[in-house]
Amino acid sequence: MKDAMHWKSITAVAVFSLFTSLTTAQTNKMDSLKHQGFQRKYVVHVPPGYTGASLVPVVLFLHGGSGNMHSAQNFTMLNPVANANGFLAVYPEGIGPTTGGGYTWADGRGTSADKLGIDDIAFIEKLLDVLESEYKIDSERIYLSGFSNGGFLASRIACENNERFAAIALAGSTLDVVQFHTCSPTRPIPILVLTGNIDPLVPYEGGAMNGNVPDIVSSMQIVKYYIMNNNCSNVADSADLPDIDPSENSTVTVLTYTDCECEATVVHYRINGGGHTWPGVEIPNYELIAGETNEDIQASEELWDFFSAHTLCTKVSSIEDLRYPGSVYLYPNPGNSSVLILSREPILRVRMFNLAGELVLDDSISGTSYTVDLRGISPGIYITNIVTSSKKMLHRKVVVK
């Protein structure tokens, strides 16, 4: 967290969807690449001290629906944070313009970009390749963030293709229920979830959204999922931040879950009384439709504090790669008829629960390997509770196909 001097809002000069870039032209490079027949645009903000002589981190930010690569810079005020900390800030642009004049991402919920058959996961992958060929990028410090429609795409990438990102942050977004039940990250991934608990557009408790899109899961469902995926302690370090500006009728509670594999911390910024907004950046008239903007923190500062604490954790690929005695390896996962559990110390008990918390399997055993028979278990996501001889209790996700 930053001290009170950093917890001040920065007032922008136009409504979100009408922003134009206010950053210095010399530090911004507009470029494009061809993907699926479309010329896809993006902006790279280069910090003043960049020379190309040493490796630098990069933060990708995915704008919200009806936004663009220019509006994203003023919506987040991320560029000053990049300048102060020496990282590249990259703003890709979605597909459009839409009837409202903005651009959208193919986040899997049936957006206009989805309906065009756009593969934005592949676009982001291609963009990373281009960036690494043109800039001196530290491949262990590549970070992804997004807001609203862009946050839903970031959430989808966390599930499907997170191998190149050291950490991912979601703001004003979660994941739709269909994708949530097929979410299958290949490794632990540090996740920050920043959401307002009275967001009028993306409900904090999940459920139906405005428009013809699927229902979404709640913010805490996303948080709990990654606690399980990253094998974190399920006891949060909870902190209520100082209410620097009581006039905006919102406060911030931070829930931090640690003791995770690969130090893949899970952090939830709950904006109590907050809407569909970016904390610390007040946009005239935007609050009329999006709700209250919290001014006790500057969200981009908080994102960088989180990102800068993490470097890339590579995927565990065999039992020899396990990081500490007592950890376990499951293969294949997702599984069809069975999943093999391997451990460096004897396993005493294996239990499986569905996402409703119902027990579907409970076996007491003694050995360093155990085959879970999945026949008769319905397809879906399950939480496997494994107790080893040292009384260590581990939680792993098992996907049954």
Protein backbone atom coordinates (compact mmCIF):
# COMPACT_ATOMS: atom_id res chain seq x y z
CA MET A 1 0.00 0.00 0.00
CA LYS A 2 1.05 3.58 -0.47
CA ASP A 3 0.96 6.32 2.13
CA ALA A 4 -1.70 9.02 2.13
CA MET A 5 0.24 11.17 -0.32
CA HIS A 6 -0.37 8.53 -3.01
CA TRP A 7 -4.03 7.98 -2.12
CA LYS A 8 -5.36 10.93 -4.09
CA SER A 9 -7.56 10.98 -7.13
CA ILE A 10 -6.51 12.29 -10.49
CA THR A 11 -9.33 14.01 -12.32
CA ALA A 12 -9.48 13.27 -16.04
CA VAL A 13 -10.82 15.67 -18.63
CA ALA A 14 -13.61 13.80 -20.42
CA VAL A 15 -16.07 10.97 -20.08
CA PHE A 16 -14.43 7.52 -20.30
CA SER A 17 -15.48 6.56 -23.83
CA LEU A 18 -14.42 9.94 -25.26
CA PHE A 19 -10.89 10.14 -23.83
CA THR A 20 -7.91 10.98 -25.98
CA SER A 21 -4.32 10.47 -24.96
CA LEU A 22 -2.81 13.15 -22.71
CA THR A 23 0.60 11.54 -22.46
CA THR A 24 3.76 12.93 -24.02
CA ALA A 25 4.04 11.93 -27.65
CA GLN A 26 7.77 11.25 -27.39
CA THR A 27 7.19 8.43 -24.89
CA ASN A 28 4.27 6.78 -26.70
CA LYS A 29 4.61 4.60 -29.76
CA MET A 30 1.49 3.64 -31.69
CA ASP A 31 1.85 0.48 -33.74
CA SER A 32 -0.15 -2.39 -35.16
CA LEU A 33 0.11 -6.01 -36.21
CA LYS A 34 -2.00 -8.15 -38.51
CA HIS A 35 -4.14 -10.82 -36.86
CA GLN A 36 -6.96 -12.81 -38.49
CA GLY A 37 -7.07 -10.31 -41.33
CA PHE A 38 -7.46 -7.31 -39.02
CA GLN A 39 -4.84 -4.65 -38.39
CA ARG A 40 -4.75 -4.66 -34.59
CA LYS A 41 -3.51 -1.48 -32.95
CA TYR A 42 -1.66 -0.92 -29.69
CA VAL A 43 0.27 1.78 -27.84
CA VAL A 44 3.56 1.23 -26.03
CA HIS A 45 4.37 3.79 -23.35
CA VAL A 46 8.13 3.86 -22.87
CA PRO A 47 9.41 5.27 -19.54
CA PRO A 48 11.96 8.11 -19.79
CA GLY A 49 14.90 6.04 -18.53
CA TYR A 50 14.53 3.21 -21.04
CA THR A 51 17.65 2.73 -23.20
CA GLY A 52 17.36 -0.89 -24.28
CA ALA A 53 20.55 -1.74 -22.43
CA SER A 54 18.90 -3.71 -19.63
CA LEU A 55 15.81 -5.84 -19.18
CA VAL A 56 12.60 -4.10 -18.12
CA PRO A 57 9.19 -5.37 -16.95
CA VAL A 58 6.05 -4.87 -19.02
CA VAL A 59 2.43 -4.37 -17.97
CA LEU A 60 -0.34 -5.00 -20.51
CA PHE A 61 -3.64 -3.26 -19.79
CA LEU A 62 -6.85 -4.31 -21.57
CA HIS A 63 -9.42 -1.51 -21.78
CA GLY A 64 -13.10 -1.89 -20.95
CA GLY A 65 -15.86 -2.34 -23.50
CA SER A 66 -16.45 0.83 -25.59
CA GLY A 67 -12.96 2.00 -24.66
CA ASN A 68 -9.81 2.13 -26.76
CA MET A 69 -6.03 2.20 -26.40
CA HIS A 70 -6.05 5.97 -25.78
CA SER A 71 -8.87 6.11 -23.25
CA ALA A 72 -7.22 3.31 -21.27
CA GLN A 73 -4.23 5.51 -20.49
CA ASN A 74 -6.30 8.25 -18.90
CA PHE A 75 -8.78 5.87 -17.31
CA THR A 76 -5.97 4.22 -15.32
CA MET A 77 -3.27 6.91 -15.16
CA LEU A 78 -0.83 4.00 -15.37
CA ASN A 79 1.79 5.91 -17.38
CA PRO A 80 3.04 8.03 -14.43
CA VAL A 81 3.47 4.79 -12.46
CA ALA A 82 5.44 3.31 -15.37
CA ASN A 83 7.64 6.40 -15.49
CA ALA A 84 8.35 6.24 -11.77
CA ASN A 85 9.12 2.52 -11.77
CA GLY A 86 10.72 1.93 -15.15
CA PHE A 87 8.34 -0.51 -16.84
CA LEU A 88 6.75 -0.52 -20.28
CA ALA A 89 2.98 0.06 -20.22
CA VAL A 90 1.26 -1.48 -23.23
CA TYR A 91 -2.32 -0.77 -24.28
CA PRO A 92 -3.70 -3.13 -26.94
CA GLU A 93 -6.99 -2.24 -28.61
CA GLY A 94 -9.99 -4.49 -29.10
CA ILE A 95 -12.06 -4.94 -32.26
CA GLY A 96 -14.35 -2.18 -33.47
CA PRO A 97 -15.51 0.40 -33.50
CA THR A 98 -18.88 -0.69 -32.11
CA THR A 99 -22.07 1.27 -32.67
CA GLY A 100 -21.11 3.30 -29.59
CA GLY A 101 -17.75 4.17 -31.12
CA GLY A 102 -15.58 1.99 -28.89
CA TYR A 103 -13.86 -1.36 -29.12
CA THR A 104 -14.54 -4.75 -27.52
CA TRP A 105 -12.65 -7.92 -26.63
CA ALA A 106 -13.57 -11.53 -27.38
CA ASP A 107 -13.83 -12.54 -23.73
CA GLY A 108 -16.00 -15.60 -24.43
CA ARG A 109 -19.32 -14.11 -23.28
CA GLY A 110 -20.78 -13.44 -26.72
CA THR A 111 -19.44 -9.91 -27.23
CA SER A 112 -19.40 -8.32 -30.67
CA ALA A 113 -15.76 -9.42 -31.00
CA ASP A 114 -16.76 -12.99 -30.09
CA LYS A 115 -19.45 -12.92 -32.78
CA LEU A 116 -16.81 -12.01 -35.37
CA GLY A 117 -14.82 -15.10 -34.41
CA ILE A 118 -11.93 -13.08 -33.01
CA ASP A 119 -9.27 -14.99 -31.07
CA ASP A 120 -7.97 -12.35 -28.68
CA ILE A 121 -5.96 -14.85 -26.66
CA ALA A 122 -3.91 -15.55 -29.78
CA PHE A 123 -3.69 -11.80 -30.48
CA ILE A 124 -2.19 -11.14 -27.03
CA GLU A 125 0.24 -14.03 -27.56
CA LYS A 126 1.31 -12.58 -30.91
CA LEU A 127 1.64 -9.11 -29.40
CA LEU A 128 4.00 -10.46 -26.72
CA ASP A 129 6.15 -12.01 -29.44
CA VAL A 130 6.37 -8.67 -31.24
CA LEU A 131 7.15 -6.75 -28.05
CA GLU A 132 9.92 -9.16 -27.09
CA SER A 133 11.47 -8.75 -30.55
CA GLU A 134 11.43 -4.94 -30.37
CA TYR A 135 12.12 -4.16 -26.71
CA LYS A 136 14.47 -5.46 -24.03
CA ILE A 137 11.75 -7.19 -22.00
CA ASP A 138 12.31 -9.31 -18.92
CA SER A 139 10.37 -12.46 -19.80
CA GLU A 140 10.03 -13.31 -16.10
CA ARG A 141 8.27 -10.00 -15.37
CA ILE A 142 5.40 -9.76 -17.85
CA TYR A 143 2.09 -8.77 -16.24
CA LEU A 144 -1.51 -8.59 -17.45
CA SER A 145 -4.35 -6.43 -16.19
CA GLY A 146 -7.76 -5.46 -17.47
CA PHE A 147 -10.95 -3.66 -16.56
CA SER A 148 -14.55 -4.73 -17.26
CA ASN A 149 -14.62 -6.38 -20.72
CA GLY A 150 -10.80 -6.31 -20.68
CA GLY A 151 -10.81 -7.80 -17.19
CA PHE A 152 -13.05 -10.64 -18.34
CA LEU A 153 -10.53 -11.38 -21.10
CA ALA A 154 -7.67 -11.26 -18.57
CA SER A 155 -9.66 -13.69 -16.41
CA ARG A 156 -10.10 -16.00 -19.40
CA ILE A 157 -6.36 -15.84 -20.13
CA ALA A 158 -5.63 -16.73 -16.49
CA CYS A 159 -7.65 -19.91 -17.05
CA GLU A 160 -6.52 -20.85 -20.54
CA ASN A 161 -3.13 -19.40 -21.41
CA ASN A 162 -1.29 -17.88 -18.45
CA GLU A 163 2.15 -19.41 -19.06
CA ARG A 164 3.89 -16.14 -19.97
CA PHE A 165 2.45 -13.95 -17.22
CA ALA A 166 4.09 -13.56 -13.83
CA ALA A 167 0.84 -12.19 -12.34
CA ILE A 168 -2.62 -11.11 -13.49
CA ALA A 169 -4.99 -8.44 -12.14
CA LEU A 170 -8.75 -8.25 -12.74
CA ALA A 171 -10.74 -5.08 -12.08
CA GLY A 172 -14.50 -4.64 -12.43
CA SER A 173 -14.77 -8.23 -13.68
CA THR A 174 -14.88 -11.91 -12.72
CA LEU A 175 -15.72 -14.78 -15.12
CA ASP A 176 -18.91 -16.15 -16.60
CA VAL A 177 -20.30 -19.33 -15.07
CA VAL A 178 -19.68 -21.47 -18.16
CA GLN A 179 -15.99 -20.59 -18.40
CA PHE A 180 -15.61 -20.81 -14.62
CA HIS A 181 -16.58 -24.47 -14.65
CA THR A 182 -14.02 -25.26 -17.35
CA CYS A 183 -11.25 -23.01 -15.97
CA SER A 184 -8.05 -25.05 -15.79
CA PRO A 185 -4.81 -23.10 -15.19
CA THR A 186 -1.68 -25.14 -15.80
CA ARG A 187 0.19 -23.69 -12.83
CA PRO A 188 -0.18 -21.42 -9.79
CA ILE A 189 -0.70 -17.80 -10.89
CA PRO A 190 -0.69 -14.74 -8.61
CA ILE A 191 -4.07 -13.01 -8.91
CA LEU A 192 -5.36 -9.62 -7.79
CA VAL A 193 -9.13 -9.04 -7.90
CA LEU A 194 -10.31 -5.43 -7.48
CA THR A 195 -14.09 -4.96 -7.44
CA GLY A 196 -16.71 -2.64 -5.98
CA ASN A 197 -19.34 -4.30 -3.83
CA ILE A 198 -22.15 -2.14 -5.24
CA ASP A 199 -21.02 -2.21 -8.87
CA PRO A 200 -24.22 -1.57 -10.90
CA LEU A 201 -22.83 -3.16 -14.08
CA VAL A 202 -20.82 -6.18 -12.87
CA PRO A 203 -22.57 -7.42 -9.71
CA TYR A 204 -20.18 -8.21 -6.86
CA GLU A 205 -22.25 -11.23 -5.80
CA GLY A 206 -22.42 -12.55 -9.37
CA GLY A 207 -25.55 -13.49 -11.29
CA ALA A 208 -27.19 -11.76 -14.24
CA MET A 209 -25.66 -8.74 -15.98
CA ASN A 210 -27.29 -6.14 -18.17
CA GLY A 211 -27.34 -7.24 -21.77
CA ASN A 212 -27.46 -10.59 -23.51
CA VAL A 213 -24.44 -12.19 -21.80
CA PRO A 214 -24.15 -15.24 -19.52
CA ASP A 215 -24.44 -15.00 -15.75
CA ILE A 216 -21.17 -14.42 -13.93
CA VAL A 217 -19.64 -15.81 -10.74
CA SER A 218 -19.06 -13.61 -7.70
CA SER A 219 -15.81 -11.87 -6.84
CA MET A 220 -15.27 -14.19 -3.88
CA GLN A 221 -15.81 -17.27 -6.07
CA ILE A 222 -12.88 -16.13 -8.22
CA VAL A 223 -10.79 -15.43 -5.12
CA LYS A 224 -11.59 -18.82 -3.55
CA TYR A 225 -10.90 -20.61 -6.82
CA TYR A 226 -7.35 -19.23 -7.01
CA ILE A 227 -6.75 -19.87 -3.31
CA MET A 228 -7.41 -23.51 -4.15
CA ASN A 229 -5.52 -23.46 -7.47
CA ASN A 230 -2.44 -21.87 -5.86
CA ASN A 231 -2.69 -24.03 -2.73
CA CYS A 232 -2.75 -20.96 -0.47
CA SER A 233 -3.77 -20.75 3.15
CA ASN A 234 -7.51 -20.11 3.26
CA VAL A 235 -7.09 -17.70 6.17
CA ALA A 236 -6.89 -14.11 4.94
CA ASP A 237 -4.79 -11.29 6.28
CA SER A 238 -7.53 -8.64 6.35
CA ALA A 239 -6.80 -4.92 6.40
CA ASP A 240 -9.19 -1.95 6.33
CA LEU A 241 -7.34 0.94 4.72
CA PRO A 242 -7.61 4.50 6.05
CA ASP A 243 -10.66 6.40 4.82
CA ILE A 244 -8.66 9.28 3.35
CA ASP A 245 -11.64 10.92 1.65
CA PRO A 246 -14.93 10.26 3.51
CA SER A 247 -16.83 12.45 1.03
CA GLU A 248 -16.93 9.71 -1.63
CA ASN A 249 -18.77 7.28 0.67
CA SER A 250 -16.52 4.29 0.10
CA THR A 251 -13.70 2.45 1.86
CA VAL A 252 -11.22 -0.27 0.96
CA THR A 253 -10.75 -3.69 2.54
CA VAL A 254 -7.78 -5.79 1.38
CA LEU A 255 -7.83 -9.57 1.81
CA THR A 256 -4.44 -11.23 1.25
CA TYR A 257 -3.96 -14.99 1.02
CA THR A 258 -0.38 -16.24 1.37
CA ASP A 259 1.58 -19.49 1.95
CA CYS A 260 0.91 -20.37 -1.69
CA GLU A 261 2.86 -22.54 -4.09
CA CYS A 262 5.34 -20.49 -6.13
CA GLU A 263 4.50 -17.61 -3.74
CA ALA A 264 1.46 -17.10 -5.98
CA THR A 265 -0.39 -14.76 -3.62
CA VAL A 266 -4.11 -14.08 -4.06
CA VAL A 267 -5.22 -10.53 -3.15
CA HIS A 268 -8.73 -9.09 -3.14
CA TYR A 269 -9.36 -5.34 -2.99
CA ARG A 270 -13.01 -5.00 -1.99
CA ILE A 271 -14.20 -1.43 -2.52
CA ASN A 272 -16.96 -1.06 0.06
CA GLY A 273 -19.53 1.24 -1.52
CA GLY A 274 -17.56 1.30 -4.77
CA GLY A 275 -18.97 1.03 -8.28
CA HIS A 276 -17.73 0.08 -11.73
CA THR A 277 -14.83 2.49 -11.54
CA TRP A 278 -11.03 2.73 -11.27
CA PRO A 279 -10.03 3.85 -7.75
CA GLY A 280 -8.07 7.07 -7.65
CA VAL A 281 -9.18 8.36 -11.06
CA GLU A 282 -12.35 10.44 -11.02
CA ILE A 283 -14.13 10.81 -14.35
CA PRO A 284 -16.75 13.57 -14.63
CA ASN A 285 -20.26 12.20 -15.29
CA TYR A 286 -19.03 8.59 -15.43
CA GLU A 287 -20.22 7.96 -11.87
CA LEU A 288 -23.81 8.67 -12.94
CA ILE A 289 -23.90 5.28 -14.64
CA ALA A 290 -21.03 3.45 -12.96
CA GLY A 291 -21.32 4.35 -9.28
CA GLU A 292 -18.90 5.74 -6.73
CA THR A 293 -15.16 6.11 -7.34
CA ASN A 294 -13.00 5.41 -4.31
CA GLU A 295 -10.27 7.98 -3.73
CA ASP A 296 -8.43 6.35 -0.82
CA ILE A 297 -6.10 4.45 -3.14
CA GLN A 298 -4.66 4.87 -6.62
CA ALA A 299 -5.43 1.55 -8.29
CA SER A 300 -2.49 1.64 -10.70
CA GLU A 301 -0.08 2.13 -7.79
CA GLU A 302 -1.63 -0.84 -6.01
CA LEU A 303 -1.41 -3.00 -9.15
CA TRP A 304 2.27 -2.25 -9.55
CA ASP A 305 2.95 -2.95 -5.87
CA PHE A 306 1.36 -6.37 -6.42
CA PHE A 307 3.01 -7.09 -9.76
CA SER A 308 6.49 -6.05 -8.68
CA ALA A 309 6.46 -8.66 -5.90
CA HIS A 310 6.15 -11.52 -8.41
CA THR A 311 8.31 -13.15 -11.06
CA LEU A 312 7.29 -15.95 -13.40
CA CYS A 313 6.70 -19.32 -11.77
CA THR A 314 7.24 -22.11 -14.28
CA LYS A 315 4.85 -25.02 -14.53
CA VAL A 316 5.46 -28.10 -12.40
CA SER A 317 5.98 -30.82 -15.01
CA SER A 318 7.15 -33.89 -13.08
CA ILE A 319 7.49 -35.17 -9.55
CA GLU A 320 11.20 -34.26 -9.59
CA ASP A 321 10.17 -30.63 -10.01
CA LEU A 322 8.11 -30.49 -6.81
CA ARG A 323 9.19 -27.56 -4.67
CA TYR A 324 9.11 -29.04 -1.18
CA PRO A 325 8.71 -32.42 0.58
CA GLY A 326 5.08 -33.38 1.08
CA SER A 327 3.78 -31.72 -2.07
CA VAL A 328 1.92 -33.81 -4.59
CA TYR A 329 1.59 -34.15 -8.34
CA LEU A 330 -1.60 -35.14 -10.19
CA TYR A 331 -1.61 -36.59 -13.72
CA PRO A 332 -3.42 -36.41 -16.08
CA ASN A 333 -5.41 -33.40 -15.02
CA PRO A 334 -7.95 -32.89 -16.57
CA GLY A 335 -8.66 -36.60 -16.42
CA ASN A 336 -11.16 -38.93 -18.05
CA SER A 337 -11.29 -42.26 -16.23
CA SER A 338 -8.60 -41.80 -13.58
CA VAL A 339 -6.05 -39.41 -12.06
CA LEU A 340 -2.76 -40.58 -10.55
CA ILE A 341 -1.62 -38.82 -7.35
CA LEU A 342 2.13 -38.96 -6.58
CA SER A 343 3.71 -37.71 -3.36
CA ARG A 344 7.17 -37.53 -1.81
CA GLU A 345 5.77 -38.80 1.48
CA PRO A 346 3.00 -41.30 2.24
CA ILE A 347 -0.58 -40.23 1.61
CA LEU A 348 -2.99 -41.04 4.43
CA ARG A 349 -6.33 -39.83 3.10
CA VAL A 350 -7.85 -38.50 -0.12
CA ARG A 351 -11.21 -36.74 -0.28
CA MET A 352 -12.92 -35.03 -3.22
CA PHE A 353 -15.61 -32.36 -3.01
CA ASN A 354 -17.69 -30.80 -5.76
CA LEU A 355 -18.06 -27.01 -5.96
CA ALA A 356 -21.20 -27.21 -3.85
CA GLY A 357 -19.08 -28.64 -1.02
CA GLU A 358 -20.55 -32.15 -1.29
CA LEU A 359 -18.24 -35.10 -0.58
CA VAL A 360 -17.94 -37.41 -3.61
CA LEU A 361 -14.94 -39.54 -2.55
CA ASP A 362 -13.27 -40.42 0.77
CA ASP A 363 -10.45 -43.00 0.86
CA SER A 364 -7.93 -43.83 3.58
CA ILE A 365 -4.68 -45.21 2.13
CA SER A 366 -0.98 -45.65 2.85
CA GLY A 367 1.53 -45.11 0.08
CA THR A 368 3.22 -42.49 -2.07
CA SER A 369 0.90 -43.06 -5.03
CA TYR A 370 -2.83 -43.41 -5.44
CA THR A 371 -5.09 -43.73 -8.47
CA VAL A 372 -8.40 -41.91 -8.23
CA ASP A 373 -11.13 -43.76 -10.13
CA LEU A 374 -13.15 -41.07 -11.92
CA ARG A 375 -15.67 -43.44 -13.49
CA GLY A 376 -19.09 -42.60 -12.15
CA ILE A 377 -18.06 -39.06 -11.22
CA SER A 378 -19.84 -36.38 -13.25
CA PRO A 379 -17.74 -34.04 -15.43
CA GLY A 380 -16.79 -30.82 -13.69
CA ILE A 381 -14.35 -29.23 -11.26
CA TYR A 382 -13.59 -30.86 -7.92
CA ILE A 383 -11.46 -29.92 -4.94
CA THR A 384 -9.23 -32.77 -3.78
CA ASN A 385 -8.15 -32.73 -0.13
CA ILE A 386 -4.96 -34.76 0.44
CA VAL A 387 -3.53 -35.52 3.90
CA THR A 388 0.09 -36.75 4.08
CA SER A 389 1.99 -38.55 6.83
CA SER A 390 3.37 -35.26 8.17
CA LYS A 391 -0.27 -34.21 8.69
CA LYS A 392 0.11 -31.61 5.95
CA MET A 393 -3.23 -30.94 4.27
CA LEU A 394 -3.02 -30.04 0.58
CA HIS A 395 -5.80 -28.90 -1.73
CA ARG A 396 -5.70 -29.56 -5.46
CA LYS A 397 -8.16 -28.98 -8.24
CA VAL A 398 -9.17 -31.97 -10.35
CA VAL A 399 -11.05 -31.48 -13.61
CA VAL A 400 -13.14 -34.46 -14.71
CA LYS A 401 -13.81 -34.47 -18.45
